[in-house]
Protein backbone atom coordinates (compact mmCIF):
# COMPACT_ATOMS: atom_id res chain seq x y z
CA UNK A 1 0.00 0.00 0.00
CA UNK A 2 1.36 3.39 -0.97
CA UNK A 3 1.70 6.17 1.56
CA UNK A 4 0.07 9.43 0.53
CA UNK A 5 0.24 12.81 2.17
CA UNK A 6 -2.95 14.30 3.57
CA UNK A 7 -3.00 16.67 0.59
CA UNK A 8 -2.69 13.75 -1.84
CA UNK A 9 -5.47 11.82 -0.11
CA UNK A 10 -7.69 14.88 -0.22
CA UNK A 11 -7.02 15.35 -3.95
CA UNK A 12 -7.61 11.67 -4.76
CA UNK A 13 -10.95 11.76 -2.92
CA UNK A 14 -11.87 15.02 -4.67
CA UNK A 15 -11.02 13.53 -8.08
CA UNK A 16 -13.03 10.39 -7.30
CA UNK A 17 -16.09 12.52 -6.46
CA UNK A 18 -15.82 14.61 -9.62
CA UNK A 19 -18.15 13.35 -12.34
CA UNK A 20 -15.90 14.17 -15.26
CA UNK A 21 -12.58 12.94 -13.81
CA UNK A 22 -12.05 9.38 -15.04
CA UNK A 23 -10.45 6.68 -12.93
CA UNK A 24 -7.71 6.55 -15.56
CA UNK A 25 -6.67 10.12 -14.63
CA UNK A 26 -6.32 9.10 -10.98
CA UNK A 27 -4.26 6.10 -12.04
CA UNK A 28 -1.99 8.24 -14.22
CA UNK A 29 -1.35 10.75 -11.42
CA UNK A 30 -1.28 8.53 -8.34
CA UNK A 31 -0.85 4.95 -9.61
CA UNK A 32 -4.20 3.76 -8.20
CA UNK A 33 -6.47 1.73 -10.47
CA UNK A 34 -10.24 1.75 -10.01
CA UNK A 35 -10.17 -1.11 -7.50
CA UNK A 36 -7.52 0.67 -5.41
CA UNK A 37 -9.50 3.93 -5.51
CA UNK A 38 -12.60 2.08 -4.27
CA UNK A 39 -10.57 0.53 -1.43
CA UNK A 40 -9.11 3.93 -0.53
CA UNK A 41 -12.55 5.56 -0.53
CA UNK A 42 -13.94 2.76 1.65
CA UNK A 43 -11.06 3.20 4.13
CA UNK A 44 -11.04 7.02 4.24
CA UNK A 45 -14.76 7.83 4.24
CA UNK A 46 -17.64 7.22 6.60
CA UNK A 47 -19.66 4.17 5.58
CA UNK A 48 -22.69 6.24 4.59
CA UNK A 49 -20.56 8.60 2.48
CA UNK A 50 -18.89 5.67 0.78
CA UNK A 51 -22.25 4.09 -0.08
CA UNK A 52 -23.48 7.41 -1.48
CA UNK A 53 -20.32 7.75 -3.59
CA UNK A 54 -20.59 4.17 -4.91
CA UNK A 55 -24.22 4.73 -5.95
CA UNK A 56 -23.15 7.94 -7.65
CA UNK A 57 -20.24 6.54 -9.70
CA UNK A 58 -21.57 3.06 -10.46
CA UNK A 59 -22.37 2.89 -14.14
CA UNK A 60 -21.37 6.52 -14.76
CA UNK A 61 -19.88 6.59 -18.26
CA UNK A 62 -17.80 9.70 -17.61
CA UNK A 63 -15.74 7.87 -14.96
CA UNK A 64 -14.20 5.67 -17.69
CA UNK A 65 -12.45 7.07 -20.75
CA UNK A 66 -13.50 4.11 -22.92
CA UNK A 67 -17.20 4.70 -22.14
CA UNK A 68 -17.16 8.47 -22.59
CA UNK A 69 -19.00 10.27 -25.30
CA UNK A 70 -16.64 11.98 -27.77
CA UNK A 71 -18.19 15.32 -26.77
CA UNK A 72 -16.64 15.01 -23.30
CA UNK A 73 -13.11 16.13 -23.96
CA UNK A 74 -12.22 17.96 -20.75
CA UNK A 75 -11.83 16.43 -17.33
CA UNK A 76 -12.62 19.60 -15.39
CA UNK A 77 -14.41 22.90 -15.53
CA UNK A 78 -12.14 25.88 -16.33
CA UNK A 79 -13.32 27.61 -13.14
CA UNK A 80 -12.70 24.58 -10.94
CA UNK A 81 -9.24 25.58 -9.78
CA UNK A 82 -9.03 28.86 -7.94
CA UNK A 83 -5.94 31.00 -8.35
PDB file of N, CA and C in Angstrom:
ATOM      1  N   UNK A   1       0.844  -1.181   0.000  1.00  0.00           N
ATOM      2  CA  UNK A   1       0.000   0.000   0.000  1.00  0.00           C
ATOM      3  C   UNK A   1       0.887   1.242   0.000  1.00  0.00           C
ATOM      4  N   UNK A   2       0.595   2.153  -0.887  1.00  0.00           N
ATOM      5  CA  UNK A   2       1.360   3.389  -0.974  1.00  0.00           C
ATOM      6  C   UNK A   2       0.987   4.320   0.169  1.00  0.00           C
ATOM      7  N   UNK A   3       1.954   5.128   0.565  1.00  0.00           N
ATOM      8  CA  UNK A   3       1.702   6.170   1.556  1.00  0.00           C
ATOM      9  C   UNK A   3       1.469   7.480   0.819  1.00  0.00           C
ATOM     10  N   UNK A   4       0.387   8.144   1.131  1.00  0.00           N
ATOM     11  CA  UNK A   4       0.065   9.428   0.526  1.00  0.00           C
ATOM     12  C   UNK A   4       0.024  10.491   1.612  1.00  0.00           C
ATOM     13  N   UNK A   5       0.371  11.702   1.239  1.00  0.00           N
ATOM     14  CA  UNK A   5       0.244  12.811   2.173  1.00  0.00           C
ATOM     15  C   UNK A   5      -1.242  13.115   2.343  1.00  0.00           C
ATOM     16  N   UNK A   6      -1.559  13.889   3.365  1.00  0.00           N
ATOM     17  CA  UNK A   6      -2.953  14.295   3.565  1.00  0.00           C
ATOM     18  C   UNK A   6      -3.468  15.065   2.356  1.00  0.00           C
ATOM     19  N   UNK A   7      -2.613  15.893   1.773  1.00  0.00           N
ATOM     20  CA  UNK A   7      -3.003  16.666   0.587  1.00  0.00           C
ATOM     21  C   UNK A   7      -3.295  15.739  -0.590  1.00  0.00           C
ATOM     22  N   UNK A   8      -2.455  14.713  -0.769  1.00  0.00           N
ATOM     23  CA  UNK A   8      -2.685  13.750  -1.845  1.00  0.00           C
ATOM     24  C   UNK A   8      -3.987  12.983  -1.631  1.00  0.00           C
ATOM     25  N   UNK A   9      -4.222  12.528  -0.408  1.00  0.00           N
ATOM     26  CA  UNK A   9      -5.472  11.818  -0.108  1.00  0.00           C
ATOM     27  C   UNK A   9      -6.678  12.694  -0.397  1.00  0.00           C
ATOM     28  N   UNK A  10      -6.596  13.938   0.016  1.00  0.00           N
ATOM     29  CA  UNK A  10      -7.693  14.876  -0.223  1.00  0.00           C
ATOM     30  C   UNK A  10      -7.944  15.040  -1.718  1.00  0.00           C
ATOM     31  N   UNK A  11      -6.878  15.168  -2.503  1.00  0.00           N
ATOM     32  CA  UNK A  11      -7.015  15.353  -3.948  1.00  0.00           C
ATOM     33  C   UNK A  11      -7.553  14.091  -4.617  1.00  0.00           C
ATOM     34  N   UNK A  12      -7.108  12.923  -4.191  1.00  0.00           N
ATOM     35  CA  UNK A  12      -7.614  11.674  -4.761  1.00  0.00           C
ATOM     36  C   UNK A  12      -9.111  11.546  -4.497  1.00  0.00           C
ATOM     37  N   UNK A  13      -9.523  11.835  -3.272  1.00  0.00           N
ATOM     38  CA  UNK A  13     -10.947  11.762  -2.921  1.00  0.00           C
ATOM     39  C   UNK A  13     -11.741  12.783  -3.734  1.00  0.00           C
ATOM     40  N   UNK A  14     -11.204  13.983  -3.879  1.00  0.00           N
ATOM     41  CA  UNK A  14     -11.869  15.017  -4.670  1.00  0.00           C
ATOM     42  C   UNK A  14     -12.022  14.558  -6.120  1.00  0.00           C
ATOM     43  N   UNK A  15     -10.962  14.008  -6.698  1.00  0.00           N
ATOM     44  CA  UNK A  15     -11.022  13.535  -8.081  1.00  0.00           C
ATOM     45  C   UNK A  15     -12.023  12.395  -8.230  1.00  0.00           C
ATOM     46  N   UNK A  16     -12.088  11.505  -7.236  1.00  0.00           N
ATOM     47  CA  UNK A  16     -13.033  10.391  -7.298  1.00  0.00           C
ATOM     48  C   UNK A  16     -14.478  10.888  -7.260  1.00  0.00           C
ATOM     49  N   UNK A  17     -14.739  11.961  -6.537  1.00  0.00           N
ATOM     50  CA  UNK A  17     -16.087  12.522  -6.457  1.00  0.00           C
ATOM     51  C   UNK A  17     -16.482  13.265  -7.726  1.00  0.00           C
ATOM     52  N   UNK A  18     -15.509  13.826  -8.430  1.00  0.00           N
ATOM     53  CA  UNK A  18     -15.821  14.612  -9.622  1.00  0.00           C
ATOM     54  C   UNK A  18     -16.380  13.718 -10.725  1.00  0.00           C
ATOM     55  N   UNK A  19     -17.491  14.139 -11.309  1.00  0.00           N
ATOM     56  CA  UNK A  19     -18.151  13.347 -12.337  1.00  0.00           C
ATOM     57  C   UNK A  19     -17.294  13.175 -13.579  1.00  0.00           C
ATOM     58  N   UNK A  20     -16.596  14.212 -13.977  1.00  0.00           N
ATOM     59  CA  UNK A  20     -15.896  14.167 -15.257  1.00  0.00           C
ATOM     60  C   UNK A  20     -14.431  13.751 -15.148  1.00  0.00           C
ATOM     61  N   UNK A  21     -13.956  13.417 -13.967  1.00  0.00           N
ATOM     62  CA  UNK A  21     -12.577  12.942 -13.814  1.00  0.00           C
ATOM     63  C   UNK A  21     -12.591  11.425 -13.863  1.00  0.00           C
ATOM     64  N   UNK A  22     -12.025  10.838 -14.912  1.00  0.00           N
ATOM     65  CA  UNK A  22     -12.048   9.376 -15.038  1.00  0.00           C
ATOM     66  C   UNK A  22     -11.074   8.706 -14.078  1.00  0.00           C
ATOM     67  N   UNK A  23     -11.353   7.455 -13.779  1.00  0.00           N
ATOM     68  CA  UNK A  23     -10.447   6.677 -12.932  1.00  0.00           C
ATOM     69  C   UNK A  23      -9.058   6.592 -13.555  1.00  0.00           C
ATOM     70  N   UNK A  24      -8.996   6.614 -14.875  1.00  0.00           N
ATOM     71  CA  UNK A  24      -7.707   6.554 -15.562  1.00  0.00           C
ATOM     72  C   UNK A  24      -6.829   7.761 -15.232  1.00  0.00           C
ATOM     73  N   UNK A  25      -7.438   8.923 -15.005  1.00  0.00           N
ATOM     74  CA  UNK A  25      -6.667  10.116 -14.633  1.00  0.00           C
ATOM     75  C   UNK A  25      -6.068   9.950 -13.238  1.00  0.00           C
ATOM     76  N   UNK A  26      -6.828   9.359 -12.330  1.00  0.00           N
ATOM     77  CA  UNK A  26      -6.317   9.100 -10.980  1.00  0.00           C
ATOM     78  C   UNK A  26      -5.170   8.099 -11.057  1.00  0.00           C
ATOM     79  N   UNK A  27      -5.322   7.100 -11.897  1.00  0.00           N
ATOM     80  CA  UNK A  27      -4.258   6.102 -12.041  1.00  0.00           C
ATOM     81  C   UNK A  27      -2.993   6.731 -12.626  1.00  0.00           C
ATOM     82  N   UNK A  28      -3.156   7.604 -13.609  1.00  0.00           N
ATOM     83  CA  UNK A  28      -1.990   8.242 -14.225  1.00  0.00           C
ATOM     84  C   UNK A  28      -1.243   9.127 -13.230  1.00  0.00           C
ATOM     85  N   UNK A  29      -1.985   9.830 -12.371  1.00  0.00           N
ATOM     86  CA  UNK A  29      -1.347  10.753 -11.421  1.00  0.00           C
ATOM     87  C   UNK A  29      -0.840  10.077 -10.158  1.00  0.00           C
ATOM     88  N   UNK A  30      -1.592   9.099  -9.656  1.00  0.00           N
ATOM     89  CA  UNK A  30      -1.278   8.528  -8.344  1.00  0.00           C
ATOM     90  C   UNK A  30      -0.999   7.026  -8.362  1.00  0.00           C
ATOM     91  N   UNK A  31      -1.151   6.381  -9.513  1.00  0.00           N
ATOM     92  CA  UNK A  31      -0.852   4.954  -9.606  1.00  0.00           C
ATOM     93  C   UNK A  31      -1.902   4.045  -8.993  1.00  0.00           C
ATOM     94  N   UNK A  32      -3.113   4.556  -8.790  1.00  0.00           N
ATOM     95  CA  UNK A  32      -4.202   3.761  -8.202  1.00  0.00           C
ATOM     96  C   UNK A  32      -5.218   3.412  -9.281  1.00  0.00           C
ATOM     97  N   UNK A  33      -5.432   2.116  -9.515  1.00  0.00           N
ATOM     98  CA  UNK A  33      -6.468   1.734 -10.470  1.00  0.00           C
ATOM     99  C   UNK A  33      -7.834   1.871  -9.798  1.00  0.00           C
ATOM    100  N   UNK A  34      -8.888   1.570 -10.539  1.00  0.00           N
ATOM    101  CA  UNK A  34     -10.241   1.751 -10.009  1.00  0.00           C
ATOM    102  C   UNK A  34     -10.463   0.954  -8.726  1.00  0.00           C
ATOM    103  N   UNK A  35     -10.003  -0.276  -8.691  1.00  0.00           N
ATOM    104  CA  UNK A  35     -10.166  -1.113  -7.497  1.00  0.00           C
ATOM    105  C   UNK A  35      -9.467  -0.500  -6.294  1.00  0.00           C
ATOM    106  N   UNK A  36      -8.272   0.037  -6.496  1.00  0.00           N
ATOM    107  CA  UNK A  36      -7.518   0.668  -5.405  1.00  0.00           C
ATOM    108  C   UNK A  36      -8.196   1.952  -4.944  1.00  0.00           C
ATOM    109  N   UNK A  37      -8.779   2.704  -5.888  1.00  0.00           N
ATOM    110  CA  UNK A  37      -9.502   3.929  -5.511  1.00  0.00           C
ATOM    111  C   UNK A  37     -10.719   3.561  -4.657  1.00  0.00           C
ATOM    112  N   UNK A  38     -11.432   2.525  -5.046  1.00  0.00           N
ATOM    113  CA  UNK A  38     -12.597   2.085  -4.272  1.00  0.00           C
ATOM    114  C   UNK A  38     -12.162   1.684  -2.862  1.00  0.00           C
ATOM    115  N   UNK A  39     -11.072   0.941  -2.750  1.00  0.00           N
ATOM    116  CA  UNK A  39     -10.575   0.529  -1.431  1.00  0.00           C
ATOM    117  C   UNK A  39     -10.171   1.743  -0.601  1.00  0.00           C
ATOM    118  N   UNK A  40      -9.510   2.708  -1.229  1.00  0.00           N
ATOM    119  CA  UNK A  40      -9.107   3.931  -0.525  1.00  0.00           C
ATOM    120  C   UNK A  40     -10.337   4.696  -0.042  1.00  0.00           C
ATOM    121  N   UNK A  41     -11.327   4.834  -0.902  1.00  0.00           N
ATOM    122  CA  UNK A  41     -12.547   5.560  -0.527  1.00  0.00           C
ATOM    123  C   UNK A  41     -13.257   4.841   0.627  1.00  0.00           C
ATOM    124  N   UNK A  42     -13.298   3.524   0.581  1.00  0.00           N
ATOM    125  CA  UNK A  42     -13.940   2.758   1.654  1.00  0.00           C
ATOM    126  C   UNK A  42     -13.217   2.993   2.984  1.00  0.00           C
ATOM    127  N   UNK A  43     -11.883   3.035   2.927  1.00  0.00           N
ATOM    128  CA  UNK A  43     -11.062   3.196   4.128  1.00  0.00           C
ATOM    129  C   UNK A  43     -11.131   4.629   4.680  1.00  0.00           C
ATOM    130  N   UNK A  44     -11.174   5.631   3.820  1.00  0.00           N
ATOM    131  CA  UNK A  44     -11.044   7.016   4.244  1.00  0.00           C
ATOM    132  C   UNK A  44     -12.368   7.724   4.534  1.00  0.00           C
ATOM    133  N   UNK A  45     -13.476   7.153   4.080  1.00  0.00           N
ATOM    134  CA  UNK A  45     -14.760   7.829   4.235  1.00  0.00           C
ATOM    135  C   UNK A  45     -15.639   7.113   5.256  1.00  0.00           C
ATOM    136  N   UNK A  46     -16.618   7.854   5.768  1.00  0.00           N
ATOM    137  CA  UNK A  46     -17.641   7.224   6.596  1.00  0.00           C
ATOM    138  C   UNK A  46     -18.405   6.237   5.721  1.00  0.00           C
ATOM    139  N   UNK A  47     -18.951   5.207   6.331  1.00  0.00           N
ATOM    140  CA  UNK A  47     -19.661   4.171   5.576  1.00  0.00           C
ATOM    141  C   UNK A  47     -20.806   4.749   4.753  1.00  0.00           C
ATOM    142  N   UNK A  48     -21.560   5.663   5.320  1.00  0.00           N
ATOM    143  CA  UNK A  48     -22.694   6.236   4.586  1.00  0.00           C
ATOM    144  C   UNK A  48     -22.220   7.084   3.409  1.00  0.00           C
ATOM    145  N   UNK A  49     -21.121   7.802   3.578  1.00  0.00           N
ATOM    146  CA  UNK A  49     -20.565   8.602   2.477  1.00  0.00           C
ATOM    147  C   UNK A  49     -20.029   7.700   1.378  1.00  0.00           C
ATOM    148  N   UNK A  50     -19.391   6.619   1.769  1.00  0.00           N
ATOM    149  CA  UNK A  50     -18.885   5.671   0.779  1.00  0.00           C
ATOM    150  C   UNK A  50     -20.033   5.081  -0.031  1.00  0.00           C
ATOM    151  N   UNK A  51     -21.103   4.652   0.631  1.00  0.00           N
ATOM    152  CA  UNK A  51     -22.251   4.086  -0.081  1.00  0.00           C
ATOM    153  C   UNK A  51     -22.851   5.102  -1.044  1.00  0.00           C
ATOM    154  N   UNK A  52     -22.952   6.353  -0.618  1.00  0.00           N
ATOM    155  CA  UNK A  52     -23.485   7.408  -1.483  1.00  0.00           C
ATOM    156  C   UNK A  52     -22.576   7.589  -2.708  1.00  0.00           C
ATOM    157  N   UNK A  53     -21.270   7.589  -2.496  1.00  0.00           N
ATOM    158  CA  UNK A  53     -20.319   7.747  -3.595  1.00  0.00           C
ATOM    159  C   UNK A  53     -20.426   6.571  -4.568  1.00  0.00           C
ATOM    160  N   UNK A  54     -20.500   5.344  -4.039  1.00  0.00           N
ATOM    161  CA  UNK A  54     -20.593   4.174  -4.914  1.00  0.00           C
ATOM    162  C   UNK A  54     -21.859   4.208  -5.758  1.00  0.00           C
ATOM    163  N   UNK A  55     -22.982   4.599  -5.170  1.00  0.00           N
ATOM    164  CA  UNK A  55     -24.220   4.733  -5.950  1.00  0.00           C
ATOM    165  C   UNK A  55     -24.031   5.766  -7.043  1.00  0.00           C
ATOM    166  N   UNK A  56     -23.339   6.842  -6.708  1.00  0.00           N
ATOM    167  CA  UNK A  56     -23.150   7.943  -7.655  1.00  0.00           C
ATOM    168  C   UNK A  56     -22.280   7.539  -8.843  1.00  0.00           C
ATOM    169  N   UNK A  57     -21.178   6.842  -8.607  1.00  0.00           N
ATOM    170  CA  UNK A  57     -20.242   6.544  -9.699  1.00  0.00           C
ATOM    171  C   UNK A  57     -20.518   5.227 -10.408  1.00  0.00           C
ATOM    172  N   UNK A  58     -21.292   4.341  -9.815  1.00  0.00           N
ATOM    173  CA  UNK A  58     -21.571   3.057 -10.459  1.00  0.00           C
ATOM    174  C   UNK A  58     -22.321   3.270 -11.771  1.00  0.00           C
ATOM    175  N   UNK A  59     -21.734   2.786 -12.833  1.00  0.00           N
ATOM    176  CA  UNK A  59     -22.368   2.895 -14.139  1.00  0.00           C
ATOM    177  C   UNK A  59     -22.245   4.254 -14.793  1.00  0.00           C
ATOM    178  N   UNK A  60     -21.524   5.176 -14.198  1.00  0.00           N
ATOM    179  CA  UNK A  60     -21.371   6.516 -14.762  1.00  0.00           C
ATOM    180  C   UNK A  60     -20.337   6.463 -15.878  1.00  0.00           C
ATOM    181  N   UNK A  61     -20.758   6.713 -17.095  1.00  0.00           N
ATOM    182  CA  UNK A  61     -19.881   6.589 -18.259  1.00  0.00           C
ATOM    183  C   UNK A  61     -18.707   7.560 -18.215  1.00  0.00           C
ATOM    184  N   UNK A  62     -18.884   8.712 -17.610  1.00  0.00           N
ATOM    185  CA  UNK A  62     -17.802   9.699 -17.605  1.00  0.00           C
ATOM    186  C   UNK A  62     -16.655   9.312 -16.691  1.00  0.00           C
ATOM    187  N   UNK A  63     -16.826   8.300 -15.847  1.00  0.00           N
ATOM    188  CA  UNK A  63     -15.745   7.872 -14.961  1.00  0.00           C
ATOM    189  C   UNK A  63     -14.779   6.911 -15.663  1.00  0.00           C
ATOM    190  N   UNK A  64     -15.061   6.557 -16.921  1.00  0.00           N
ATOM    191  CA  UNK A  64     -14.197   5.666 -17.688  1.00  0.00           C
ATOM    192  C   UNK A  64     -13.987   6.260 -19.081  1.00  0.00           C
ATOM    193  N   UNK A  65     -12.749   6.464 -19.461  1.00  0.00           N
ATOM    194  CA  UNK A  65     -12.455   7.072 -20.755  1.00  0.00           C
ATOM    195  C   UNK A  65     -13.070   6.266 -21.900  1.00  0.00           C
ATOM    196  N   UNK A  66     -12.999   4.949 -21.836  1.00  0.00           N
ATOM    197  CA  UNK A  66     -13.503   4.111 -22.922  1.00  0.00           C
ATOM    198  C   UNK A  66     -15.011   4.243 -23.109  1.00  0.00           C
ATOM    199  N   UNK A  67     -15.742   4.598 -22.060  1.00  0.00           N
ATOM    200  CA  UNK A  67     -17.204   4.705 -22.136  1.00  0.00           C
ATOM    201  C   UNK A  67     -17.688   6.116 -22.416  1.00  0.00           C
ATOM    202  N   UNK A  68     -16.777   7.070 -22.417  1.00  0.00           N
ATOM    203  CA  UNK A  68     -17.159   8.469 -22.593  1.00  0.00           C
ATOM    204  C   UNK A  68     -17.655   8.782 -23.990  1.00  0.00           C
ATOM    205  N   UNK A  69     -18.557   9.722 -24.028  1.00  0.00           N
ATOM    206  CA  UNK A  69     -18.999  10.275 -25.298  1.00  0.00           C
ATOM    207  C   UNK A  69     -17.856  11.117 -25.874  1.00  0.00           C
ATOM    208  N   UNK A  70     -17.700  11.154 -27.177  1.00  0.00           N
ATOM    209  CA  UNK A  70     -16.635  11.978 -27.769  1.00  0.00           C
ATOM    210  C   UNK A  70     -16.780  13.472 -27.461  1.00  0.00           C
ATOM    211  N   UNK A  71     -17.978  13.913 -27.102  1.00  0.00           N
ATOM    212  CA  UNK A  71     -18.186  15.324 -26.771  1.00  0.00           C
ATOM    213  C   UNK A  71     -17.539  15.710 -25.442  1.00  0.00           C
ATOM    214  N   UNK A  72     -17.259  14.739 -24.591  1.00  0.00           N
ATOM    215  CA  UNK A  72     -16.642  15.012 -23.300  1.00  0.00           C
ATOM    216  C   UNK A  72     -15.133  14.951 -23.487  1.00  0.00           C
ATOM    217  N   UNK A  73     -14.541  16.116 -23.682  1.00  0.00           N
ATOM    218  CA  UNK A  73     -13.110  16.127 -23.961  1.00  0.00           C
ATOM    219  C   UNK A  73     -12.291  16.719 -22.821  1.00  0.00           C
ATOM    220  N   UNK A  74     -12.932  17.356 -21.877  1.00  0.00           N
ATOM    221  CA  UNK A  74     -12.215  17.955 -20.753  1.00  0.00           C
ATOM    222  C   UNK A  74     -12.561  17.211 -19.480  1.00  0.00           C
ATOM    223  N   UNK A  75     -11.604  17.144 -18.581  1.00  0.00           N
ATOM    224  CA  UNK A  75     -11.833  16.427 -17.333  1.00  0.00           C
ATOM    225  C   UNK A  75     -12.285  17.361 -16.220  1.00  0.00           C
ATOM    226  N   UNK A  76     -12.230  18.667 -16.445  1.00  0.00           N
ATOM    227  CA  UNK A  76     -12.623  19.596 -15.389  1.00  0.00           C
ATOM    228  C   UNK A  76     -13.153  20.889 -15.983  1.00  0.00           C
ATOM    229  N   UNK A  77     -13.864  21.591 -15.169  1.00  0.00           N
ATOM    230  CA  UNK A  77     -14.407  22.895 -15.533  1.00  0.00           C
ATOM    231  C   UNK A  77     -13.286  23.931 -15.437  1.00  0.00           C
ATOM    232  N   UNK A  78     -13.212  24.884 -16.373  1.00  0.00           N
ATOM    233  CA  UNK A  78     -12.139  25.885 -16.327  1.00  0.00           C
ATOM    234  C   UNK A  78     -12.126  26.719 -15.037  1.00  0.00           C
ATOM    235  N   UNK A  79     -13.263  26.817 -14.376  1.00  0.00           N
ATOM    236  CA  UNK A  79     -13.315  27.613 -13.139  1.00  0.00           C
ATOM    237  C   UNK A  79     -13.109  26.764 -11.893  1.00  0.00           C
ATOM    238  N   UNK A  80     -12.819  25.498 -12.076  1.00  0.00           N
ATOM    239  CA  UNK A  80     -12.698  24.575 -10.941  1.00  0.00           C
ATOM    240  C   UNK A  80     -11.544  24.938 -10.029  1.00  0.00           C
ATOM    241  N   UNK A  81     -10.421  25.292 -10.594  1.00  0.00           N
ATOM    242  CA  UNK A  81      -9.241  25.582  -9.780  1.00  0.00           C
ATOM    243  C   UNK A  81      -9.123  27.074  -9.543  1.00  0.00           C
ATOM    244  N   UNK A  82      -9.096  27.438  -8.297  1.00  0.00           N
ATOM    245  CA  UNK A  82      -9.027  28.858  -7.942  1.00  0.00           C
ATOM    246  C   UNK A  82      -7.577  29.293  -7.888  1.00  0.00           C
ATOM    247  N   UNK A  83      -7.311  30.475  -8.342  1.00  0.00           N
ATOM    248  CA  UNK A  83      -5.939  30.998  -8.352  1.00  0.00           C
ATOM    249  C   UNK A  83      -5.785  32.157  -7.420  1.00  0.00           C
TER     250      UNK A  83
END
